[in-house]
Amino acid sequence: MADPLAQRLKHLIVETLRLEDVQPDQISDDEALIGSGLSLDSIDALELVVRLEREFGIKITTSEESKMALASISSLTAFVRDRADPARLA
């Protein structure tokens, strides 16, 4: 069964970045989000970080932290789960 948080993050990515040609279920959990994979660039990453901070009440303070969190859906799910207010994960 798919992780509900991972599914939510996939929808959030498609919605936030207005990825018209991508459906959330097409994004693999281990696919690279930046560069290859979805081919997101630094502007996309910034938009996504801002949305994640608002949505989950987390802070991504360095570019290294951002690269680690946005490596894949799996890494993003673990990052958000580890740092978010549990009430915002429901």
N, C-alpha and C. Protein backbone atom coordinates (compact mmCIF):
# COMPACT_ATOMS: atom_id res chain seq x y z
N MET A 1 0.85 -1.19 0.00
CA MET A 1 0.00 0.00 0.00
C MET A 1 0.89 1.25 0.00
N ALA A 2 0.52 2.22 -0.77
CA ALA A 2 1.30 3.45 -0.91
C ALA A 2 1.25 4.27 0.39
N ASP A 3 2.36 4.91 0.69
CA ASP A 3 2.46 5.78 1.86
C ASP A 3 1.59 7.03 1.60
N PRO A 4 0.63 7.32 2.47
CA PRO A 4 -0.24 8.48 2.26
C PRO A 4 0.52 9.81 2.21
N LEU A 5 1.57 9.93 3.01
CA LEU A 5 2.36 11.17 2.98
C LEU A 5 3.09 11.30 1.65
N ALA A 6 3.65 10.23 1.15
CA ALA A 6 4.33 10.26 -0.15
C ALA A 6 3.35 10.66 -1.25
N GLN A 7 2.14 10.10 -1.20
CA GLN A 7 1.12 10.46 -2.19
C GLN A 7 0.75 11.93 -2.08
N ARG A 8 0.61 12.42 -0.86
CA ARG A 8 0.29 13.84 -0.64
C ARG A 8 1.40 14.73 -1.21
N LEU A 9 2.66 14.34 -0.99
CA LEU A 9 3.78 15.12 -1.49
C LEU A 9 3.83 15.12 -3.02
N LYS A 10 3.51 14.02 -3.62
CA LYS A 10 3.48 13.95 -5.09
C LYS A 10 2.43 14.91 -5.64
N HIS A 11 1.26 14.91 -5.03
CA HIS A 11 0.19 15.84 -5.45
C HIS A 11 0.63 17.28 -5.24
N LEU A 12 1.27 17.55 -4.10
CA LEU A 12 1.74 18.89 -3.79
C LEU A 12 2.77 19.36 -4.83
N ILE A 13 3.67 18.50 -5.23
CA ILE A 13 4.68 18.85 -6.23
C ILE A 13 4.02 19.18 -7.56
N VAL A 14 3.12 18.33 -8.02
CA VAL A 14 2.45 18.56 -9.30
C VAL A 14 1.64 19.85 -9.25
N GLU A 15 0.94 20.09 -8.15
CA GLU A 15 0.11 21.29 -8.02
C GLU A 15 0.97 22.55 -7.91
N THR A 16 1.96 22.53 -7.03
CA THR A 16 2.78 23.71 -6.79
C THR A 16 3.55 24.14 -8.03
N LEU A 17 4.10 23.17 -8.74
CA LEU A 17 4.94 23.48 -9.90
C LEU A 17 4.17 23.45 -11.21
N ARG A 18 2.85 23.24 -11.11
CA ARG A 18 1.98 23.24 -12.28
C ARG A 18 2.54 22.34 -13.40
N LEU A 19 2.81 21.11 -13.02
CA LEU A 19 3.36 20.13 -13.97
C LEU A 19 2.21 19.51 -14.76
N GLU A 20 1.86 20.15 -15.85
CA GLU A 20 0.68 19.75 -16.62
C GLU A 20 0.80 18.38 -17.26
N ASP A 21 2.02 17.96 -17.58
CA ASP A 21 2.21 16.68 -18.27
C ASP A 21 2.57 15.54 -17.33
N VAL A 22 2.47 15.78 -16.02
CA VAL A 22 2.85 14.76 -15.03
C VAL A 22 1.68 14.50 -14.10
N GLN A 23 1.37 13.24 -13.91
CA GLN A 23 0.37 12.83 -12.94
C GLN A 23 1.11 12.37 -11.68
N PRO A 24 0.57 12.63 -10.49
CA PRO A 24 1.26 12.22 -9.26
C PRO A 24 1.66 10.76 -9.24
N ASP A 25 0.82 9.88 -9.76
CA ASP A 25 1.14 8.45 -9.73
C ASP A 25 2.25 8.06 -10.70
N GLN A 26 2.67 8.99 -11.56
CA GLN A 26 3.78 8.74 -12.48
C GLN A 26 5.14 8.99 -11.81
N ILE A 27 5.14 9.62 -10.66
CA ILE A 27 6.39 9.95 -9.97
C ILE A 27 6.79 8.78 -9.10
N SER A 28 7.94 8.23 -9.38
CA SER A 28 8.47 7.11 -8.61
C SER A 28 9.01 7.62 -7.27
N ASP A 29 8.89 6.81 -6.25
CA ASP A 29 9.39 7.21 -4.93
C ASP A 29 10.89 7.42 -4.91
N ASP A 30 11.62 6.74 -5.78
CA ASP A 30 13.08 6.83 -5.78
C ASP A 30 13.64 7.64 -6.94
N GLU A 31 12.76 8.23 -7.72
CA GLU A 31 13.18 9.05 -8.86
C GLU A 31 13.78 10.37 -8.37
N ALA A 32 14.86 10.81 -9.00
CA ALA A 32 15.47 12.09 -8.66
C ALA A 32 14.49 13.21 -8.99
N LEU A 33 14.37 14.16 -8.08
CA LEU A 33 13.46 15.28 -8.31
C LEU A 33 14.16 16.45 -9.00
N ILE A 34 15.42 16.67 -8.64
CA ILE A 34 16.18 17.80 -9.18
C ILE A 34 17.13 17.28 -10.26
N GLY A 35 17.28 18.06 -11.32
CA GLY A 35 18.18 17.65 -12.41
C GLY A 35 17.50 16.62 -13.29
N SER A 36 17.96 15.38 -13.20
CA SER A 36 17.32 14.31 -13.98
C SER A 36 15.99 13.97 -13.31
N GLY A 37 15.35 12.94 -13.76
CA GLY A 37 14.05 12.58 -13.19
C GLY A 37 12.99 13.56 -13.64
N LEU A 38 12.46 14.33 -12.71
CA LEU A 38 11.43 15.33 -13.06
C LEU A 38 12.02 16.56 -13.72
N SER A 39 13.34 16.67 -13.73
CA SER A 39 14.03 17.80 -14.34
C SER A 39 13.67 19.14 -13.71
N LEU A 40 13.50 19.13 -12.40
CA LEU A 40 13.23 20.39 -11.71
C LEU A 40 14.52 21.18 -11.60
N ASP A 41 14.40 22.50 -11.67
CA ASP A 41 15.58 23.34 -11.55
C ASP A 41 15.58 24.06 -10.20
N SER A 42 16.52 24.97 -10.00
CA SER A 42 16.66 25.64 -8.71
C SER A 42 15.45 26.52 -8.38
N ILE A 43 14.83 27.11 -9.37
CA ILE A 43 13.62 27.92 -9.14
C ILE A 43 12.49 27.02 -8.67
N ASP A 44 12.33 25.87 -9.31
CA ASP A 44 11.32 24.90 -8.89
C ASP A 44 11.58 24.45 -7.45
N ALA A 45 12.84 24.18 -7.14
CA ALA A 45 13.20 23.74 -5.79
C ALA A 45 12.84 24.81 -4.77
N LEU A 46 13.11 26.06 -5.08
CA LEU A 46 12.77 27.16 -4.17
C LEU A 46 11.27 27.25 -3.96
N GLU A 47 10.50 27.18 -5.03
CA GLU A 47 9.04 27.20 -4.91
C GLU A 47 8.54 26.05 -4.04
N LEU A 48 9.12 24.90 -4.25
CA LEU A 48 8.72 23.72 -3.50
C LEU A 48 9.08 23.85 -2.02
N VAL A 49 10.26 24.36 -1.73
CA VAL A 49 10.68 24.56 -0.33
C VAL A 49 9.72 25.51 0.38
N VAL A 50 9.38 26.62 -0.28
CA VAL A 50 8.45 27.59 0.31
C VAL A 50 7.11 26.93 0.61
N ARG A 51 6.60 26.15 -0.33
CA ARG A 51 5.32 25.47 -0.13
C ARG A 51 5.40 24.44 1.00
N LEU A 52 6.48 23.68 1.06
CA LEU A 52 6.65 22.69 2.12
C LEU A 52 6.72 23.36 3.49
N GLU A 53 7.43 24.47 3.56
CA GLU A 53 7.54 25.19 4.83
C GLU A 53 6.18 25.67 5.29
N ARG A 54 5.39 26.21 4.37
CA ARG A 54 4.04 26.68 4.71
C ARG A 54 3.11 25.52 5.07
N GLU A 55 3.14 24.50 4.27
CA GLU A 55 2.22 23.37 4.41
C GLU A 55 2.47 22.55 5.68
N PHE A 56 3.74 22.34 6.01
CA PHE A 56 4.07 21.43 7.11
C PHE A 56 4.74 22.11 8.30
N GLY A 57 4.99 23.42 8.21
CA GLY A 57 5.61 24.13 9.32
C GLY A 57 7.05 23.72 9.59
N ILE A 58 7.75 23.32 8.53
CA ILE A 58 9.15 22.92 8.67
C ILE A 58 10.04 24.04 8.15
N LYS A 59 11.32 23.97 8.48
CA LYS A 59 12.30 24.92 7.96
C LYS A 59 13.41 24.15 7.26
N ILE A 60 13.71 24.57 6.07
CA ILE A 60 14.84 24.04 5.32
C ILE A 60 15.80 25.22 5.20
N THR A 61 16.88 25.18 5.98
CA THR A 61 17.69 26.37 6.17
C THR A 61 18.94 26.47 5.30
N THR A 62 19.40 25.37 4.75
CA THR A 62 20.62 25.42 3.94
C THR A 62 20.40 24.74 2.60
N SER A 63 21.27 25.05 1.66
CA SER A 63 21.14 24.41 0.35
C SER A 63 21.45 22.92 0.45
N GLU A 64 22.35 22.54 1.35
CA GLU A 64 22.65 21.12 1.55
C GLU A 64 21.43 20.37 2.09
N GLU A 65 20.74 21.00 3.02
CA GLU A 65 19.52 20.40 3.58
C GLU A 65 18.47 20.26 2.49
N SER A 66 18.36 21.26 1.65
CA SER A 66 17.41 21.23 0.54
C SER A 66 17.74 20.11 -0.43
N LYS A 67 19.02 19.97 -0.79
CA LYS A 67 19.43 18.91 -1.71
C LYS A 67 19.13 17.53 -1.13
N MET A 68 19.38 17.38 0.17
CA MET A 68 19.12 16.10 0.83
C MET A 68 17.61 15.80 0.84
N ALA A 69 16.81 16.79 1.22
CA ALA A 69 15.37 16.59 1.32
C ALA A 69 14.74 16.34 -0.05
N LEU A 70 15.21 17.06 -1.06
CA LEU A 70 14.59 16.99 -2.39
C LEU A 70 15.25 15.98 -3.31
N ALA A 71 16.03 15.07 -2.76
CA ALA A 71 16.70 14.06 -3.59
C ALA A 71 15.68 13.15 -4.29
N SER A 72 14.62 12.78 -3.58
CA SER A 72 13.58 11.89 -4.13
C SER A 72 12.33 12.02 -3.26
N ILE A 73 11.26 11.41 -3.70
CA ILE A 73 10.05 11.39 -2.88
C ILE A 73 10.31 10.66 -1.57
N SER A 74 11.07 9.58 -1.62
CA SER A 74 11.38 8.82 -0.40
C SER A 74 12.13 9.69 0.61
N SER A 75 13.14 10.42 0.14
CA SER A 75 13.91 11.26 1.06
C SER A 75 13.06 12.43 1.56
N LEU A 76 12.22 12.98 0.69
CA LEU A 76 11.35 14.09 1.09
C LEU A 76 10.32 13.62 2.12
N THR A 77 9.78 12.45 1.91
CA THR A 77 8.80 11.89 2.86
C THR A 77 9.45 11.71 4.23
N ALA A 78 10.64 11.14 4.27
CA ALA A 78 11.34 10.93 5.55
C ALA A 78 11.66 12.27 6.21
N PHE A 79 12.11 13.25 5.42
CA PHE A 79 12.46 14.56 5.93
C PHE A 79 11.24 15.23 6.56
N VAL A 80 10.13 15.26 5.83
CA VAL A 80 8.91 15.90 6.32
C VAL A 80 8.39 15.17 7.56
N ARG A 81 8.36 13.86 7.51
CA ARG A 81 7.86 13.08 8.64
C ARG A 81 8.70 13.34 9.91
N ASP A 82 10.00 13.50 9.73
CA ASP A 82 10.91 13.72 10.84
C ASP A 82 10.76 15.11 11.45
N ARG A 83 10.44 16.11 10.64
CA ARG A 83 10.48 17.50 11.10
C ARG A 83 9.14 18.21 11.24
N ALA A 84 8.12 17.69 10.63
CA ALA A 84 6.82 18.37 10.63
C ALA A 84 6.08 18.19 11.95
N ASP A 85 5.24 19.12 12.23
CA ASP A 85 4.30 19.01 13.34
C ASP A 85 3.37 17.85 12.99
N PRO A 86 3.30 16.84 13.87
CA PRO A 86 2.46 15.66 13.56
C PRO A 86 1.01 16.01 13.20
N ALA A 87 0.48 17.08 13.75
CA ALA A 87 -0.88 17.48 13.43
C ALA A 87 -1.03 17.90 11.97
N ARG A 88 0.05 18.35 11.36
CA ARG A 88 -0.01 18.77 9.96
C ARG A 88 0.17 17.61 8.99
N LEU A 89 0.51 16.45 9.49
CA LEU A 89 0.70 15.29 8.63
C LEU A 89 -0.60 14.55 8.34
N ALA A 90 -1.62 14.82 9.13
CA ALA A 90 -2.90 14.11 8.97
C ALA A 90 -3.66 14.57 7.76
